[in-house]
């Protein structure tokens, strides 16, 4: 994998799936009719798995989640890669 561009801040995004296989998305306050999954920056020297749980709790109040899989890439779009990682959880 090539290096991220200069100034890029590492971040995490969370696809929160409940036992009924429903995905959590929240409406954005700054953009009418727009929805977003929880996400946020990784603090310096923070493990990404720790950042995921921290961001999830900060943005939703949920603290009892388990990391099932990771889609690791800094480039956009990564839709195919993300779908490949999470698709098994919907079957």
PDB file of N, CA and C in Angstrom:
ATOM      1  N   UNK A   1       0.846  -1.171   0.000  1.00  0.00           N
ATOM      2  CA  UNK A   1       0.000   0.000   0.000  1.00  0.00           C
ATOM      3  C   UNK A   1       0.892   1.235   0.000  1.00  0.00           C
ATOM      4  N   UNK A   2       0.541   2.202  -0.827  1.00  0.00           N
ATOM      5  CA  UNK A   2       1.324   3.434  -0.866  1.00  0.00           C
ATOM      6  C   UNK A   2       1.044   4.282   0.370  1.00  0.00           C
ATOM      7  N   UNK A   3       1.875   5.295   0.583  1.00  0.00           N
ATOM      8  CA  UNK A   3       1.731   6.144   1.762  1.00  0.00           C
ATOM      9  C   UNK A   3       0.599   7.151   1.581  1.00  0.00           C
ATOM     10  N   UNK A   4      -0.048   7.522   2.685  1.00  0.00           N
ATOM     11  CA  UNK A   4      -1.090   8.549   2.599  1.00  0.00           C
ATOM     12  C   UNK A   4      -0.483   9.898   2.241  1.00  0.00           C
ATOM     13  N   UNK A   5      -1.268  10.811   1.704  1.00  0.00           N
ATOM     14  CA  UNK A   5      -0.748  12.130   1.370  1.00  0.00           C
ATOM     15  C   UNK A   5      -0.344  12.900   2.626  1.00  0.00           C
ATOM     16  N   UNK A   6       0.564  13.848   2.460  1.00  0.00           N
ATOM     17  CA  UNK A   6       1.021  14.656   3.583  1.00  0.00           C
ATOM     18  C   UNK A   6      -0.165  15.394   4.198  1.00  0.00           C
ATOM     19  N   UNK A   7      -0.203  15.442   5.517  1.00  0.00           N
ATOM     20  CA  UNK A   7      -1.285  16.115   6.211  1.00  0.00           C
ATOM     21  C   UNK A   7      -2.497  15.243   6.467  1.00  0.00           C
ATOM     22  N   UNK A   8      -2.469  14.025   5.958  1.00  0.00           N
ATOM     23  CA  UNK A   8      -3.598  13.108   6.152  1.00  0.00           C
ATOM     24  C   UNK A   8      -3.660  12.687   7.611  1.00  0.00           C
ATOM     25  N   UNK A   9      -4.822  12.780   8.212  1.00  0.00           N
ATOM     26  CA  UNK A   9      -5.006  12.322   9.591  1.00  0.00           C
ATOM     27  C   UNK A   9      -5.674  10.958   9.562  1.00  0.00           C
ATOM     28  N   UNK A  10      -5.039  10.002  10.195  1.00  0.00           N
ATOM     29  CA  UNK A  10      -5.627   8.665  10.262  1.00  0.00           C
ATOM     30  C   UNK A  10      -6.971   8.751  10.976  1.00  0.00           C
ATOM     31  N   UNK A  11      -7.914   7.931  10.514  1.00  0.00           N
ATOM     32  CA  UNK A  11      -9.235   7.958  11.115  1.00  0.00           C
ATOM     33  C   UNK A  11      -9.866   6.579  11.085  1.00  0.00           C
ATOM     34  N   UNK A  12     -10.972   6.466  11.775  1.00  0.00           N
ATOM     35  CA  UNK A  12     -11.737   5.225  11.801  1.00  0.00           C
ATOM     36  C   UNK A  12     -13.179   5.535  11.436  1.00  0.00           C
ATOM     37  N   UNK A  13     -13.811   4.562  10.829  1.00  0.00           N
ATOM     38  CA  UNK A  13     -15.239   4.622  10.551  1.00  0.00           C
ATOM     39  C   UNK A  13     -15.849   3.333  11.062  1.00  0.00           C
ATOM     40  N   UNK A  14     -17.053   3.419  11.561  1.00  0.00           N
ATOM     41  CA  UNK A  14     -17.660   2.266  12.205  1.00  0.00           C
ATOM     42  C   UNK A  14     -18.937   1.860  11.485  1.00  0.00           C
ATOM     43  N   UNK A  15     -19.020   0.596  11.136  1.00  0.00           N
ATOM     44  CA  UNK A  15     -20.252   0.012  10.613  1.00  0.00           C
ATOM     45  C   UNK A  15     -20.841  -0.795  11.764  1.00  0.00           C
ATOM     46  N   UNK A  16     -21.763  -0.177  12.499  1.00  0.00           N
ATOM     47  CA  UNK A  16     -22.354  -0.805  13.677  1.00  0.00           C
ATOM     48  C   UNK A  16     -23.539  -1.660  13.236  1.00  0.00           C
ATOM     49  N   UNK A  17     -23.445  -2.961  13.484  1.00  0.00           N
ATOM     50  CA  UNK A  17     -24.456  -3.924  13.052  1.00  0.00           C
ATOM     51  C   UNK A  17     -25.046  -4.593  14.293  1.00  0.00           C
ATOM     52  N   UNK A  18     -26.368  -4.592  14.403  1.00  0.00           N
ATOM     53  CA  UNK A  18     -26.980  -5.259  15.554  1.00  0.00           C
ATOM     54  C   UNK A  18     -27.280  -6.724  15.228  1.00  0.00           C
ATOM     55  N   UNK A  19     -27.708  -7.517  16.205  1.00  0.00           N
ATOM     56  CA  UNK A  19     -27.967  -8.939  15.947  1.00  0.00           C
ATOM     57  C   UNK A  19     -29.017  -9.200  14.863  1.00  0.00           C
ATOM     58  N   UNK A  20     -29.888  -8.218  14.612  1.00  0.00           N
ATOM     59  CA  UNK A  20     -30.892  -8.357  13.546  1.00  0.00           C
ATOM     60  C   UNK A  20     -30.345  -7.944  12.183  1.00  0.00           C
ATOM     61  N   UNK A  21     -29.035  -7.677  12.133  1.00  0.00           N
ATOM     62  CA  UNK A  21     -28.332  -7.275  10.913  1.00  0.00           C
ATOM     63  C   UNK A  21     -28.786  -5.917  10.388  1.00  0.00           C
ATOM     64  N   UNK A  22     -29.193  -5.042  11.300  1.00  0.00           N
ATOM     65  CA  UNK A  22     -29.522  -3.667  10.940  1.00  0.00           C
ATOM     66  C   UNK A  22     -28.290  -2.811  11.189  1.00  0.00           C
ATOM     67  N   UNK A  23     -28.066  -1.848  10.298  1.00  0.00           N
ATOM     68  CA  UNK A  23     -26.900  -0.970  10.372  1.00  0.00           C
ATOM     69  C   UNK A  23     -27.316   0.376  10.950  1.00  0.00           C
ATOM     70  N   UNK A  24     -26.495   0.899  11.852  1.00  0.00           N
ATOM     71  CA  UNK A  24     -26.747   2.207  12.450  1.00  0.00           C
ATOM     72  C   UNK A  24     -26.209   3.308  11.550  1.00  0.00           C
ATOM     73  N   UNK A  25     -27.038   4.300  11.288  1.00  0.00           N
ATOM     74  CA  UNK A  25     -26.615   5.523  10.610  1.00  0.00           C
ATOM     75  C   UNK A  25     -27.370   6.667  11.276  1.00  0.00           C
ATOM     76  N   UNK A  26     -26.708   7.796  11.446  1.00  0.00           N
ATOM     77  CA  UNK A  26     -27.318   8.950  12.106  1.00  0.00           C
ATOM     78  C   UNK A  26     -27.463  10.093  11.113  1.00  0.00           C
ATOM     79  N   UNK A  27     -28.509  10.881  11.306  1.00  0.00           N
ATOM     80  CA  UNK A  27     -28.684  12.041  10.432  1.00  0.00           C
ATOM     81  C   UNK A  27     -27.663  13.106  10.821  1.00  0.00           C
ATOM     82  N   UNK A  28     -27.135  13.771   9.811  1.00  0.00           N
ATOM     83  CA  UNK A  28     -26.157  14.833  10.049  1.00  0.00           C
ATOM     84  C   UNK A  28     -26.884  16.120  10.400  1.00  0.00           C
ATOM     85  N   UNK A  29     -26.394  16.833  11.397  1.00  0.00           N
ATOM     86  CA  UNK A  29     -27.008  18.090  11.797  1.00  0.00           C
ATOM     87  C   UNK A  29     -26.695  19.211  10.816  1.00  0.00           C
ATOM     88  N   UNK A  30     -25.533  19.122  10.154  1.00  0.00           N
ATOM     89  CA  UNK A  30     -25.085  20.201   9.275  1.00  0.00           C
ATOM     90  C   UNK A  30     -25.507  20.027   7.817  1.00  0.00           C
ATOM     91  N   UNK A  31     -26.106  18.890   7.474  1.00  0.00           N
ATOM     92  CA  UNK A  31     -26.489  18.623   6.085  1.00  0.00           C
ATOM     93  C   UNK A  31     -27.868  17.959   6.064  1.00  0.00           C
ATOM     94  N   UNK A  32     -28.900  18.699   5.686  1.00  0.00           N
ATOM     95  CA  UNK A  32     -30.237  18.109   5.646  1.00  0.00           C
ATOM     96  C   UNK A  32     -30.288  16.883   4.729  1.00  0.00           C
ATOM     97  N   UNK A  33     -31.035  15.881   5.139  1.00  0.00           N
ATOM     98  CA  UNK A  33     -31.230  14.650   4.359  1.00  0.00           C
ATOM     99  C   UNK A  33     -29.944  13.860   4.121  1.00  0.00           C
ATOM    100  N   UNK A  34     -28.936  14.070   4.953  1.00  0.00           N
ATOM    101  CA  UNK A  34     -27.678  13.324   4.825  1.00  0.00           C
ATOM    102  C   UNK A  34     -27.514  12.433   6.056  1.00  0.00           C
ATOM    103  N   UNK A  35     -26.958  11.257   5.824  1.00  0.00           N
ATOM    104  CA  UNK A  35     -26.767  10.278   6.884  1.00  0.00           C
ATOM    105  C   UNK A  35     -25.306   9.862   6.941  1.00  0.00           C
ATOM    106  N   UNK A  36     -24.862   9.460   8.113  1.00  0.00           N
ATOM    107  CA  UNK A  36     -23.455   9.104   8.278  1.00  0.00           C
ATOM    108  C   UNK A  36     -23.309   8.050   9.362  1.00  0.00           C
ATOM    109  N   UNK A  37     -22.351   7.161   9.160  1.00  0.00           N
ATOM    110  CA  UNK A  37     -21.991   6.205  10.206  1.00  0.00           C
ATOM    111  C   UNK A  37     -20.996   6.885  11.143  1.00  0.00           C
ATOM    112  N   UNK A  38     -20.888   6.407  12.377  1.00  0.00           N
ATOM    113  CA  UNK A  38     -19.926   7.003  13.305  1.00  0.00           C
ATOM    114  C   UNK A  38     -18.504   6.938  12.738  1.00  0.00           C
ATOM    115  N   UNK A  39     -17.742   7.995  12.979  1.00  0.00           N
ATOM    116  CA  UNK A  39     -16.358   8.039  12.504  1.00  0.00           C
ATOM    117  C   UNK A  39     -15.619   9.136  13.248  1.00  0.00           C
ATOM    118  N   UNK A  40     -14.287   9.118  13.143  1.00  0.00           N
ATOM    119  CA  UNK A  40     -13.493  10.166  13.760  1.00  0.00           C
ATOM    120  C   UNK A  40     -12.013   9.878  13.664  1.00  0.00           C
ATOM    121  N   UNK A  41     -11.220  10.854  14.074  1.00  0.00           N
ATOM    122  CA  UNK A  41      -9.773  10.750  13.975  1.00  0.00           C
ATOM    123  C   UNK A  41      -9.163   9.848  15.037  1.00  0.00           C
ATOM    124  N   UNK A  42      -8.025   9.276  14.674  1.00  0.00           N
ATOM    125  CA  UNK A  42      -7.242   8.464  15.607  1.00  0.00           C
ATOM    126  C   UNK A  42      -6.252   9.396  16.295  1.00  0.00           C
ATOM    127  N   UNK A  43      -6.266   9.406  17.621  1.00  0.00           N
ATOM    128  CA  UNK A  43      -5.331  10.243  18.369  1.00  0.00           C
ATOM    129  C   UNK A  43      -3.906   9.729  18.193  1.00  0.00           C
ATOM    130  N   UNK A  44      -2.933  10.618  18.407  1.00  0.00           N
ATOM    131  CA  UNK A  44      -1.526  10.242  18.267  1.00  0.00           C
ATOM    132  C   UNK A  44      -1.203   9.062  19.182  1.00  0.00           C
ATOM    133  N   UNK A  45      -0.538   8.057  18.630  1.00  0.00           N
ATOM    134  CA  UNK A  45      -0.137   6.828  19.331  1.00  0.00           C
ATOM    135  C   UNK A  45      -1.317   5.973  19.811  1.00  0.00           C
ATOM    136  N   UNK A  46      -2.514   6.243  19.319  1.00  0.00           N
ATOM    137  CA  UNK A  46      -3.683   5.457  19.716  1.00  0.00           C
ATOM    138  C   UNK A  46      -3.846   4.262  18.785  1.00  0.00           C
ATOM    139  N   UNK A  47      -4.155   3.119  19.338  1.00  0.00           N
ATOM    140  CA  UNK A  47      -4.431   1.930  18.539  1.00  0.00           C
ATOM    141  C   UNK A  47      -5.775   2.129  17.829  1.00  0.00           C
ATOM    142  N   UNK A  48      -5.860   1.815  16.531  1.00  0.00           N
ATOM    143  CA  UNK A  48      -7.122   2.000  15.803  1.00  0.00           C
ATOM    144  C   UNK A  48      -8.311   1.274  16.439  1.00  0.00           C
ATOM    145  N   UNK A  49      -8.089   0.099  17.022  1.00  0.00           N
ATOM    146  CA  UNK A  49      -9.198  -0.623  17.658  1.00  0.00           C
ATOM    147  C   UNK A  49      -9.695   0.107  18.907  1.00  0.00           C
ATOM    148  N   UNK A  50      -8.794   0.794  19.590  1.00  0.00           N
ATOM    149  CA  UNK A  50      -9.188   1.608  20.740  1.00  0.00           C
ATOM    150  C   UNK A  50      -9.949   2.836  20.243  1.00  0.00           C
ATOM    151  N   UNK A  51      -9.468   3.429  19.150  1.00  0.00           N
ATOM    152  CA  UNK A  51     -10.128   4.606  18.576  1.00  0.00           C
ATOM    153  C   UNK A  51     -11.551   4.289  18.125  1.00  0.00           C
ATOM    154  N   UNK A  52     -11.750   3.098  17.567  1.00  0.00           N
ATOM    155  CA  UNK A  52     -13.087   2.695  17.118  1.00  0.00           C
ATOM    156  C   UNK A  52     -14.069   2.714  18.291  1.00  0.00           C
ATOM    157  N   UNK A  53     -13.703   2.072  19.376  1.00  0.00           N
ATOM    158  CA  UNK A  53     -14.589   2.000  20.539  1.00  0.00           C
ATOM    159  C   UNK A  53     -14.795   3.387  21.144  1.00  0.00           C
ATOM    160  N   UNK A  54     -13.726   4.193  21.214  1.00  0.00           N
ATOM    161  CA  UNK A  54     -13.833   5.553  21.764  1.00  0.00           C
ATOM    162  C   UNK A  54     -14.779   6.401  20.925  1.00  0.00           C
ATOM    163  N   UNK A  55     -14.577   6.403  19.604  1.00  0.00           N
ATOM    164  CA  UNK A  55     -15.426   7.205  18.719  1.00  0.00           C
ATOM    165  C   UNK A  55     -16.873   6.733  18.767  1.00  0.00           C
ATOM    166  N   UNK A  56     -17.080   5.433  18.804  1.00  0.00           N
ATOM    167  CA  UNK A  56     -18.435   4.897  18.867  1.00  0.00           C
ATOM    168  C   UNK A  56     -19.148   5.395  20.123  1.00  0.00           C
ATOM    169  N   UNK A  57     -18.455   5.348  21.263  1.00  0.00           N
ATOM    170  CA  UNK A  57     -19.064   5.813  22.513  1.00  0.00           C
ATOM    171  C   UNK A  57     -19.292   7.321  22.483  1.00  0.00           C
ATOM    172  N   UNK A  58     -18.306   8.087  21.968  1.00  0.00           N
ATOM    173  CA  UNK A  58     -18.450   9.542  21.908  1.00  0.00           C
ATOM    174  C   UNK A  58     -19.644   9.954  21.055  1.00  0.00           C
ATOM    175  N   UNK A  59     -19.841   9.278  19.946  1.00  0.00           N
ATOM    176  CA  UNK A  59     -20.857   9.708  18.985  1.00  0.00           C
ATOM    177  C   UNK A  59     -22.225   9.069  19.190  1.00  0.00           C
ATOM    178  N   UNK A  60     -22.283   7.919  19.877  1.00  0.00           N
ATOM    179  CA  UNK A  60     -23.569   7.222  20.003  1.00  0.00           C
ATOM    180  C   UNK A  60     -23.925   6.842  21.431  1.00  0.00           C
ATOM    181  N   UNK A  61     -22.946   6.825  22.326  1.00  0.00           N
ATOM    182  CA  UNK A  61     -23.185   6.349  23.678  1.00  0.00           C
ATOM    183  C   UNK A  61     -23.052   4.836  23.809  1.00  0.00           C
ATOM    184  N   UNK A  62     -22.849   4.144  22.688  1.00  0.00           N
ATOM    185  CA  UNK A  62     -22.706   2.683  22.702  1.00  0.00           C
ATOM    186  C   UNK A  62     -21.305   2.321  23.185  1.00  0.00           C
ATOM    187  N   UNK A  63     -21.228   1.454  24.194  1.00  0.00           N
ATOM    188  CA  UNK A  63     -19.915   1.055  24.706  1.00  0.00           C
ATOM    189  C   UNK A  63     -19.738  -0.460  24.738  1.00  0.00           C
ATOM    190  N   UNK A  64     -20.735  -1.190  24.296  1.00  0.00           N
ATOM    191  CA  UNK A  64     -20.652  -2.651  24.365  1.00  0.00           C
ATOM    192  C   UNK A  64     -20.600  -3.266  22.970  1.00  0.00           C
ATOM    193  N   UNK A  65     -19.653  -2.829  22.171  1.00  0.00           N
ATOM    194  CA  UNK A  65     -19.511  -3.344  20.810  1.00  0.00           C
ATOM    195  C   UNK A  65     -18.222  -4.145  20.691  1.00  0.00           C
ATOM    196  N   UNK A  66     -18.202  -5.026  19.718  1.00  0.00           N
ATOM    197  CA  UNK A  66     -17.032  -5.860  19.439  1.00  0.00           C
ATOM    198  C   UNK A  66     -16.576  -5.587  18.012  1.00  0.00           C
ATOM    199  N   UNK A  67     -15.276  -5.411  17.813  1.00  0.00           N
ATOM    200  CA  UNK A  67     -14.731  -5.226  16.468  1.00  0.00           C
ATOM    201  C   UNK A  67     -14.675  -6.596  15.798  1.00  0.00           C
ATOM    202  N   UNK A  68     -15.418  -6.746  14.707  1.00  0.00           N
ATOM    203  CA  UNK A  68     -15.481  -8.025  14.001  1.00  0.00           C
ATOM    204  C   UNK A  68     -14.522  -8.101  12.827  1.00  0.00           C
ATOM    205  N   UNK A  69     -14.282  -6.959  12.174  1.00  0.00           N
ATOM    206  CA  UNK A  69     -13.438  -6.955  10.979  1.00  0.00           C
ATOM    207  C   UNK A  69     -12.922  -5.545  10.745  1.00  0.00           C
ATOM    208  N   UNK A  70     -11.882  -5.458   9.920  1.00  0.00           N
ATOM    209  CA  UNK A  70     -11.300  -4.166   9.570  1.00  0.00           C
ATOM    210  C   UNK A  70     -11.152  -4.058   8.064  1.00  0.00           C
ATOM    211  N   UNK A  71     -11.429  -2.876   7.548  1.00  0.00           N
ATOM    212  CA  UNK A  71     -11.138  -2.552   6.153  1.00  0.00           C
ATOM    213  C   UNK A  71     -10.093  -1.448   6.215  1.00  0.00           C
ATOM    214  N   UNK A  72      -8.882  -1.747   5.820  1.00  0.00           N
ATOM    215  CA  UNK A  72      -7.773  -0.814   6.006  1.00  0.00           C
ATOM    216  C   UNK A  72      -7.341  -0.233   4.671  1.00  0.00           C
ATOM    217  N   UNK A  73      -7.556   1.055   4.505  1.00  0.00           N
ATOM    218  CA  UNK A  73      -7.089   1.768   3.317  1.00  0.00           C
ATOM    219  C   UNK A  73      -7.320   3.246   3.552  1.00  0.00           C
ATOM    220  N   UNK A  74      -6.520   4.081   2.941  1.00  0.00           N
ATOM    221  CA  UNK A  74      -6.689   5.514   3.113  1.00  0.00           C
ATOM    222  C   UNK A  74      -7.249   6.170   1.864  1.00  0.00           C
ATOM    223  N   UNK A  75      -7.358   5.410   0.784  1.00  0.00           N
ATOM    224  CA  UNK A  75      -7.800   5.988  -0.479  1.00  0.00           C
ATOM    225  C   UNK A  75      -9.315   5.914  -0.612  1.00  0.00           C
ATOM    226  N   UNK A  76      -9.859   6.838  -1.378  1.00  0.00           N
ATOM    227  CA  UNK A  76     -11.278   6.820  -1.713  1.00  0.00           C
ATOM    228  C   UNK A  76     -11.387   6.585  -3.202  1.00  0.00           C
ATOM    229  N   UNK A  77     -12.368   5.903  -3.693  1.00  0.00           N
ATOM    230  CA  UNK A  77     -13.341   5.156  -2.900  1.00  0.00           C
ATOM    231  C   UNK A  77     -12.815   3.774  -2.550  1.00  0.00           C
ATOM    232  N   UNK A  78     -13.219   3.294  -1.424  1.00  0.00           N
ATOM    233  CA  UNK A  78     -12.848   1.940  -0.996  1.00  0.00           C
ATOM    234  C   UNK A  78     -14.098   1.077  -0.838  1.00  0.00           C
ATOM    235  N   UNK A  79     -15.156   1.453  -1.517  1.00  0.00           N
ATOM    236  CA  UNK A  79     -16.445   0.784  -1.340  1.00  0.00           C
ATOM    237  C   UNK A  79     -16.370  -0.722  -1.555  1.00  0.00           C
ATOM    238  N   UNK A  80     -15.702  -1.156  -2.620  1.00  0.00           N
ATOM    239  CA  UNK A  80     -15.631  -2.591  -2.898  1.00  0.00           C
ATOM    240  C   UNK A  80     -14.898  -3.329  -1.785  1.00  0.00           C
ATOM    241  N   UNK A  81     -13.821  -2.737  -1.287  1.00  0.00           N
ATOM    242  CA  UNK A  81     -13.063  -3.366  -0.217  1.00  0.00           C
ATOM    243  C   UNK A  81     -13.891  -3.453   1.068  1.00  0.00           C
ATOM    244  N   UNK A  82     -14.597  -2.376   1.392  1.00  0.00           N
ATOM    245  CA  UNK A  82     -15.425  -2.362   2.597  1.00  0.00           C
ATOM    246  C   UNK A  82     -16.547  -3.387   2.476  1.00  0.00           C
ATOM    247  N   UNK A  83     -17.191  -3.439   1.332  1.00  0.00           N
ATOM    248  CA  UNK A  83     -18.252  -4.425   1.126  1.00  0.00           C
ATOM    249  C   UNK A  83     -17.717  -5.844   1.256  1.00  0.00           C
ATOM    250  N   UNK A  84     -16.534  -6.089   0.726  1.00  0.00           N
ATOM    251  CA  UNK A  84     -15.945  -7.428   0.808  1.00  0.00           C
ATOM    252  C   UNK A  84     -15.673  -7.829   2.259  1.00  0.00           C
ATOM    253  N   UNK A  85     -15.258  -6.870   3.080  1.00  0.00           N
ATOM    254  CA  UNK A  85     -14.962  -7.161   4.484  1.00  0.00           C
ATOM    255  C   UNK A  85     -16.242  -7.450   5.269  1.00  0.00           C
ATOM    256  N   UNK A  86     -17.283  -6.656   5.044  1.00  0.00           N
ATOM    257  CA  UNK A  86     -18.474  -6.755   5.885  1.00  0.00           C
ATOM    258  C   UNK A  86     -19.578  -7.651   5.335  1.00  0.00           C
ATOM    259  N   UNK A  87     -19.543  -7.992   4.069  1.00  0.00           N
ATOM    260  CA  UNK A  87     -20.605  -8.824   3.470  1.00  0.00           C
ATOM    261  C   UNK A  87     -20.858 -10.131   4.219  1.00  0.00           C
ATOM    262  N   UNK A  88     -19.828 -10.838   4.697  1.00  0.00           N
ATOM    263  CA  UNK A  88     -20.099 -12.105   5.401  1.00  0.00           C
ATOM    264  C   UNK A  88     -20.996 -11.955   6.630  1.00  0.00           C
ATOM    265  N   UNK A  89     -21.035 -10.779   7.231  1.00  0.00           N
ATOM    266  CA  UNK A  89     -21.846 -10.575   8.429  1.00  0.00           C
ATOM    267  C   UNK A  89     -23.324 -10.388   8.110  1.00  0.00           C
ATOM    268  N   UNK A  90     -23.664 -10.295   6.829  1.00  0.00           N
ATOM    269  CA  UNK A  90     -25.060 -10.101   6.433  1.00  0.00           C
ATOM    270  C   UNK A  90     -25.672 -11.345   5.819  1.00  0.00           C
ATOM    271  N   UNK A  91     -24.965 -12.445   5.807  1.00  0.00           N
ATOM    272  CA  UNK A  91     -25.489 -13.666   5.188  1.00  0.00           C
ATOM    273  C   UNK A  91     -26.154 -14.568   6.196  1.00  0.00           C
TER     274      UNK A  91
END
